[in-house]
Amino acid sequence: MVALVDLEDQSYTDAARVLGLPLGTVRSRLFRARRLLQHDLLAHAQDAGLLRPPMEDRAR
């Protein structure tokens, strides 16, 4: 679903039709998928030393 909308530039409506899902389901699943992807990418970047951890996670 993320690939269809964000990488292949399909509309939400087209993605819903292709996947056989209601439009609202596509929207809510995309929201959750993007949020999870953001979390995972930030964690990976921190583990790889590309980003510093947030201030509250740093030792004082």
PDB file of N, CA and C in Angstrom:
ATOM      1  N   MET A   1       0.822  -1.182   0.000  1.00  0.00           N
ATOM      2  CA  MET A   1       0.000   0.000   0.000  1.00  0.00           C
ATOM      3  C   MET A   1       0.875   1.256   0.000  1.00  0.00           C
ATOM      4  N   VAL A   2       1.890   1.279   0.853  1.00  0.00           N
ATOM      5  CA  VAL A   2       2.809   2.425   0.868  1.00  0.00           C
ATOM      6  C   VAL A   2       3.502   2.533  -0.479  1.00  0.00           C
ATOM      7  N   ALA A   3       3.885   1.400  -1.036  1.00  0.00           N
ATOM      8  CA  ALA A   3       4.558   1.411  -2.339  1.00  0.00           C
ATOM      9  C   ALA A   3       3.639   1.972  -3.417  1.00  0.00           C
ATOM     10  N   LEU A   4       2.378   1.577  -3.412  1.00  0.00           N
ATOM     11  CA  LEU A   4       1.444   2.068  -4.429  1.00  0.00           C
ATOM     12  C   LEU A   4       1.279   3.581  -4.362  1.00  0.00           C
ATOM     13  N   VAL A   5       1.060   4.094  -3.171  1.00  0.00           N
ATOM     14  CA  VAL A   5       0.730   5.513  -3.019  1.00  0.00           C
ATOM     15  C   VAL A   5       1.973   6.393  -3.011  1.00  0.00           C
ATOM     16  N   ASP A   6       2.972   6.016  -2.223  1.00  0.00           N
ATOM     17  CA  ASP A   6       4.128   6.898  -2.048  1.00  0.00           C
ATOM     18  C   ASP A   6       5.224   6.690  -3.087  1.00  0.00           C
ATOM     19  N   LEU A   7       5.395   5.478  -3.572  1.00  0.00           N
ATOM     20  CA  LEU A   7       6.460   5.221  -4.543  1.00  0.00           C
ATOM     21  C   LEU A   7       5.958   5.232  -5.982  1.00  0.00           C
ATOM     22  N   GLU A   8       4.785   4.646  -6.200  1.00  0.00           N
ATOM     23  CA  GLU A   8       4.241   4.591  -7.558  1.00  0.00           C
ATOM     24  C   GLU A   8       3.293   5.745  -7.856  1.00  0.00           C
ATOM     25  N   ASP A   9       3.102   6.630  -6.894  1.00  0.00           N
ATOM     26  CA  ASP A   9       2.316   7.857  -7.065  1.00  0.00           C
ATOM     27  C   ASP A   9       0.859   7.603  -7.446  1.00  0.00           C
ATOM     28  N   GLN A  10       0.281   6.528  -6.913  1.00  0.00           N
ATOM     29  CA  GLN A  10      -1.133   6.252  -7.144  1.00  0.00           C
ATOM     30  C   GLN A  10      -1.957   7.077  -6.152  1.00  0.00           C
ATOM     31  N   SER A  11      -3.158   7.412  -6.536  1.00  0.00           N
ATOM     32  CA  SER A  11      -4.052   8.119  -5.611  1.00  0.00           C
ATOM     33  C   SER A  11      -4.581   7.128  -4.576  1.00  0.00           C
ATOM     34  N   TYR A  12      -5.105   7.655  -3.480  1.00  0.00           N
ATOM     35  CA  TYR A  12      -5.717   6.787  -2.478  1.00  0.00           C
ATOM     36  C   TYR A  12      -6.860   5.993  -3.111  1.00  0.00           C
ATOM     37  N   THR A  13      -7.626   6.653  -3.947  1.00  0.00           N
ATOM     38  CA  THR A  13      -8.759   6.001  -4.603  1.00  0.00           C
ATOM     39  C   THR A  13      -8.295   4.853  -5.489  1.00  0.00           C
ATOM     40  N   ASP A  14      -7.243   5.084  -6.266  1.00  0.00           N
ATOM     41  CA  ASP A  14      -6.715   4.021  -7.130  1.00  0.00           C
ATOM     42  C   ASP A  14      -6.167   2.862  -6.304  1.00  0.00           C
ATOM     43  N   ALA A  15      -5.458   3.168  -5.228  1.00  0.00           N
ATOM     44  CA  ALA A  15      -4.920   2.115  -4.367  1.00  0.00           C
ATOM     45  C   ALA A  15      -6.057   1.297  -3.756  1.00  0.00           C
ATOM     46  N   ALA A  16      -7.116   1.963  -3.324  1.00  0.00           N
ATOM     47  CA  ALA A  16      -8.267   1.262  -2.755  1.00  0.00           C
ATOM     48  C   ALA A  16      -8.889   0.326  -3.784  1.00  0.00           C
ATOM     49  N   ARG A  17      -9.015   0.797  -5.007  1.00  0.00           N
ATOM     50  CA  ARG A  17      -9.594  -0.028  -6.067  1.00  0.00           C
ATOM     51  C   ARG A  17      -8.707  -1.238  -6.353  1.00  0.00           C
ATOM     52  N   VAL A  18      -7.401  -1.016  -6.504  1.00  0.00           N
ATOM     53  CA  VAL A  18      -6.461  -2.098  -6.810  1.00  0.00           C
ATOM     54  C   VAL A  18      -6.450  -3.141  -5.691  1.00  0.00           C
ATOM     55  N   LEU A  19      -6.492  -2.680  -4.453  1.00  0.00           N
ATOM     56  CA  LEU A  19      -6.415  -3.585  -3.307  1.00  0.00           C
ATOM     57  C   LEU A  19      -7.770  -4.151  -2.891  1.00  0.00           C
ATOM     58  N   GLY A  20      -8.840  -3.604  -3.458  1.00  0.00           N
ATOM     59  CA  GLY A  20     -10.176  -4.071  -3.106  1.00  0.00           C
ATOM     60  C   GLY A  20     -10.572  -3.712  -1.679  1.00  0.00           C
ATOM     61  N   LEU A  21     -10.145  -2.525  -1.246  1.00  0.00           N
ATOM     62  CA  LEU A  21     -10.426  -2.061   0.113  1.00  0.00           C
ATOM     63  C   LEU A  21     -11.202  -0.756   0.076  1.00  0.00           C
ATOM     64  N   PRO A  22     -11.971  -0.478   1.132  1.00  0.00           N
ATOM     65  CA  PRO A  22     -12.626   0.823   1.217  1.00  0.00           C
ATOM     66  C   PRO A  22     -11.584   1.942   1.325  1.00  0.00           C
ATOM     67  N   LEU A  23     -11.927   3.104   0.821  1.00  0.00           N
ATOM     68  CA  LEU A  23     -11.017   4.250   0.839  1.00  0.00           C
ATOM     69  C   LEU A  23     -10.573   4.600   2.262  1.00  0.00           C
ATOM     70  N   GLY A  24     -11.484   4.577   3.206  1.00  0.00           N
ATOM     71  CA  GLY A  24     -11.142   4.886   4.596  1.00  0.00           C
ATOM     72  C   GLY A  24     -10.126   3.912   5.179  1.00  0.00           C
ATOM     73  N   THR A  25     -10.220   2.651   4.788  1.00  0.00           N
ATOM     74  CA  THR A  25      -9.262   1.644   5.250  1.00  0.00           C
ATOM     75  C   THR A  25      -7.878   1.945   4.706  1.00  0.00           C
ATOM     76  N   VAL A  26      -7.809   2.316   3.438  1.00  0.00           N
ATOM     77  CA  VAL A  26      -6.522   2.666   2.829  1.00  0.00           C
ATOM     78  C   VAL A  26      -5.917   3.864   3.552  1.00  0.00           C
ATOM     79  N   ARG A  27      -6.710   4.874   3.806  1.00  0.00           N
ATOM     80  CA  ARG A  27      -6.195   6.073   4.486  1.00  0.00           C
ATOM     81  C   ARG A  27      -5.682   5.754   5.887  1.00  0.00           C
ATOM     82  N   SER A  28      -6.449   4.996   6.653  1.00  0.00           N
ATOM     83  CA  SER A  28      -6.023   4.708   8.029  1.00  0.00           C
ATOM     84  C   SER A  28      -4.809   3.784   8.056  1.00  0.00           C
ATOM     85  N   ARG A  29      -4.762   2.806   7.168  1.00  0.00           N
ATOM     86  CA  ARG A  29      -3.598   1.914   7.134  1.00  0.00           C
ATOM     87  C   ARG A  29      -2.346   2.648   6.670  1.00  0.00           C
ATOM     88  N   LEU A  30      -2.498   3.560   5.729  1.00  0.00           N
ATOM     89  CA  LEU A  30      -1.343   4.353   5.298  1.00  0.00           C
ATOM     90  C   LEU A  30      -0.833   5.234   6.427  1.00  0.00           C
ATOM     91  N   PHE A  31      -1.733   5.831   7.178  1.00  0.00           N
ATOM     92  CA  PHE A  31      -1.322   6.663   8.305  1.00  0.00           C
ATOM     93  C   PHE A  31      -0.499   5.845   9.291  1.00  0.00           C
ATOM     94  N   ARG A  32      -1.021   4.671   9.661  1.00  0.00           N
ATOM     95  CA  ARG A  32      -0.305   3.824  10.619  1.00  0.00           C
ATOM     96  C   ARG A  32       1.004   3.305  10.040  1.00  0.00           C
ATOM     97  N   ALA A  33       0.999   2.909   8.782  1.00  0.00           N
ATOM     98  CA  ALA A  33       2.218   2.388   8.155  1.00  0.00           C
ATOM     99  C   ALA A  33       3.306   3.450   8.073  1.00  0.00           C
ATOM    100  N   ARG A  34       2.930   4.664   7.731  1.00  0.00           N
ATOM    101  CA  ARG A  34       3.920   5.749   7.657  1.00  0.00           C
ATOM    102  C   ARG A  34       4.489   6.066   9.034  1.00  0.00           C
ATOM    103  N   ARG A  35       3.642   6.040  10.043  1.00  0.00           N
ATOM    104  CA  ARG A  35       4.102   6.307  11.409  1.00  0.00           C
ATOM    105  C   ARG A  35       5.082   5.224  11.868  1.00  0.00           C
ATOM    106  N   LEU A  36       4.778   3.956  11.584  1.00  0.00           N
ATOM    107  CA  LEU A  36       5.685   2.862  11.935  1.00  0.00           C
ATOM    108  C   LEU A  36       6.989   2.948  11.155  1.00  0.00           C
ATOM    109  N   LEU A  37       6.889   3.272   9.883  1.00  0.00           N
ATOM    110  CA  LEU A  37       8.084   3.409   9.054  1.00  0.00           C
ATOM    111  C   LEU A  37       8.976   4.528   9.576  1.00  0.00           C
ATOM    112  N   GLN A  38       8.380   5.649   9.951  1.00  0.00           N
ATOM    113  CA  GLN A  38       9.151   6.761  10.501  1.00  0.00           C
ATOM    114  C   GLN A  38       9.873   6.332  11.777  1.00  0.00           C
ATOM    115  N   HIS A  39       9.179   5.642  12.654  1.00  0.00           N
ATOM    116  CA  HIS A  39       9.778   5.171  13.903  1.00  0.00           C
ATOM    117  C   HIS A  39      10.953   4.247  13.612  1.00  0.00           C
ATOM    118  N   ASP A  40      10.755   3.284  12.721  1.00  0.00           N
ATOM    119  CA  ASP A  40      11.814   2.324  12.402  1.00  0.00           C
ATOM    120  C   ASP A  40      13.006   2.991  11.729  1.00  0.00           C
ATOM    121  N   LEU A  41      12.752   3.931  10.838  1.00  0.00           N
ATOM    122  CA  LEU A  41      13.855   4.618  10.159  1.00  0.00           C
ATOM    123  C   LEU A  41      14.649   5.492  11.126  1.00  0.00           C
ATOM    124  N   LEU A  42      13.964   6.167  12.042  1.00  0.00           N
ATOM    125  CA  LEU A  42      14.663   6.974  13.043  1.00  0.00           C
ATOM    126  C   LEU A  42      15.512   6.096  13.954  1.00  0.00           C
ATOM    127  N   ALA A  43      14.972   4.959  14.377  1.00  0.00           N
ATOM    128  CA  ALA A  43      15.732   4.041  15.230  1.00  0.00           C
ATOM    129  C   ALA A  43      16.957   3.516  14.492  1.00  0.00           C
ATOM    130  N   HIS A  44      16.787   3.172  13.232  1.00  0.00           N
ATOM    131  CA  HIS A  44      17.919   2.686  12.437  1.00  0.00           C
ATOM    132  C   HIS A  44      18.982   3.769  12.276  1.00  0.00           C
ATOM    133  N   ALA A  45      18.563   4.985  12.008  1.00  0.00           N
ATOM    134  CA  ALA A  45      19.512   6.088  11.840  1.00  0.00           C
ATOM    135  C   ALA A  45      20.279   6.346  13.136  1.00  0.00           C
ATOM    136  N   GLN A  46      19.599   6.256  14.271  1.00  0.00           N
ATOM    137  CA  GLN A  46      20.282   6.437  15.554  1.00  0.00           C
ATOM    138  C   GLN A  46      21.265   5.298  15.808  1.00  0.00           C
ATOM    139  N   ASP A  47      20.855   4.067  15.532  1.00  0.00           N
ATOM    140  CA  ASP A  47      21.736   2.911  15.720  1.00  0.00           C
ATOM    141  C   ASP A  47      22.963   2.992  14.826  1.00  0.00           C
ATOM    142  N   ALA A  48      22.795   3.542  13.635  1.00  0.00           N
ATOM    143  CA  ALA A  48      23.901   3.654  12.679  1.00  0.00           C
ATOM    144  C   ALA A  48      24.771   4.876  12.953  1.00  0.00           C
ATOM    145  N   GLY A  49      24.401   5.682  13.957  1.00  0.00           N
ATOM    146  CA  GLY A  49      25.179   6.865  14.292  1.00  0.00           C
ATOM    147  C   GLY A  49      24.927   8.048  13.383  1.00  0.00           C
ATOM    148  N   LEU A  50      23.843   8.000  12.630  1.00  0.00           N
ATOM    149  CA  LEU A  50      23.508   9.100  11.727  1.00  0.00           C
ATOM    150  C   LEU A  50      22.756  10.217  12.433  1.00  0.00           C
ATOM    151  N   LEU A  51      22.090   9.877  13.532  1.00  0.00           N
ATOM    152  CA  LEU A  51      21.341  10.851  14.335  1.00  0.00           C
ATOM    153  C   LEU A  51      21.677  10.648  15.800  1.00  0.00           C
ATOM    154  N   ARG A  52      21.658  11.743  16.535  1.00  0.00           N
ATOM    155  CA  ARG A  52      21.827  11.629  17.976  1.00  0.00           C
ATOM    156  C   ARG A  52      20.479  11.295  18.592  1.00  0.00           C
ATOM    157  N   PRO A  53      20.479  10.562  19.706  1.00  0.00           N
ATOM    158  CA  PRO A  53      19.207  10.271  20.370  1.00  0.00           C
ATOM    159  C   PRO A  53      18.550  11.560  20.861  1.00  0.00           C
ATOM    160  N   PRO A  54      17.233  11.559  21.064  1.00  0.00           N
ATOM    161  CA  PRO A  54      16.555  12.747  21.594  1.00  0.00           C
ATOM    162  C   PRO A  54      17.158  13.153  22.935  1.00  0.00           C
ATOM    163  N   MET A  55      17.032  14.421  23.286  1.00  0.00           N
ATOM    164  CA  MET A  55      17.628  14.961  24.518  1.00  0.00           C
ATOM    165  C   MET A  55      17.245  14.148  25.753  1.00  0.00           C
ATOM    166  N   GLU A  56      15.980  13.724  25.849  1.00  0.00           N
ATOM    167  CA  GLU A  56      15.554  13.007  27.049  1.00  0.00           C
ATOM    168  C   GLU A  56      16.202  11.630  27.165  1.00  0.00           C
ATOM    169  N   ASP A  57      16.734  11.087  26.060  1.00  0.00           N
ATOM    170  CA  ASP A  57      17.386   9.777  26.084  1.00  0.00           C
ATOM    171  C   ASP A  57      18.886   9.867  26.340  1.00  0.00           C
ATOM    172  N   ARG A  58      19.453  11.060  26.286  1.00  0.00           N
ATOM    173  CA  ARG A  58      20.894  11.221  26.470  1.00  0.00           C
ATOM    174  C   ARG A  58      21.255  11.235  27.948  1.00  0.00           C
ATOM    175  N   ALA A  59      22.427  10.724  28.262  1.00  0.00           N
ATOM    176  CA  ALA A  59      22.920  10.768  29.648  1.00  0.00           C
ATOM    177  C   ALA A  59      23.240  12.210  30.016  1.00  0.00           C
ATOM    178  N   ARG A  60      22.991  12.570  31.240  1.00  0.00           N
ATOM    179  CA  ARG A  60      23.249  13.949  31.675  1.00  0.00           C
ATOM    180  C   ARG A  60      24.499  14.015  32.483  1.00  0.00           C
TER     181      ARG A  60
END
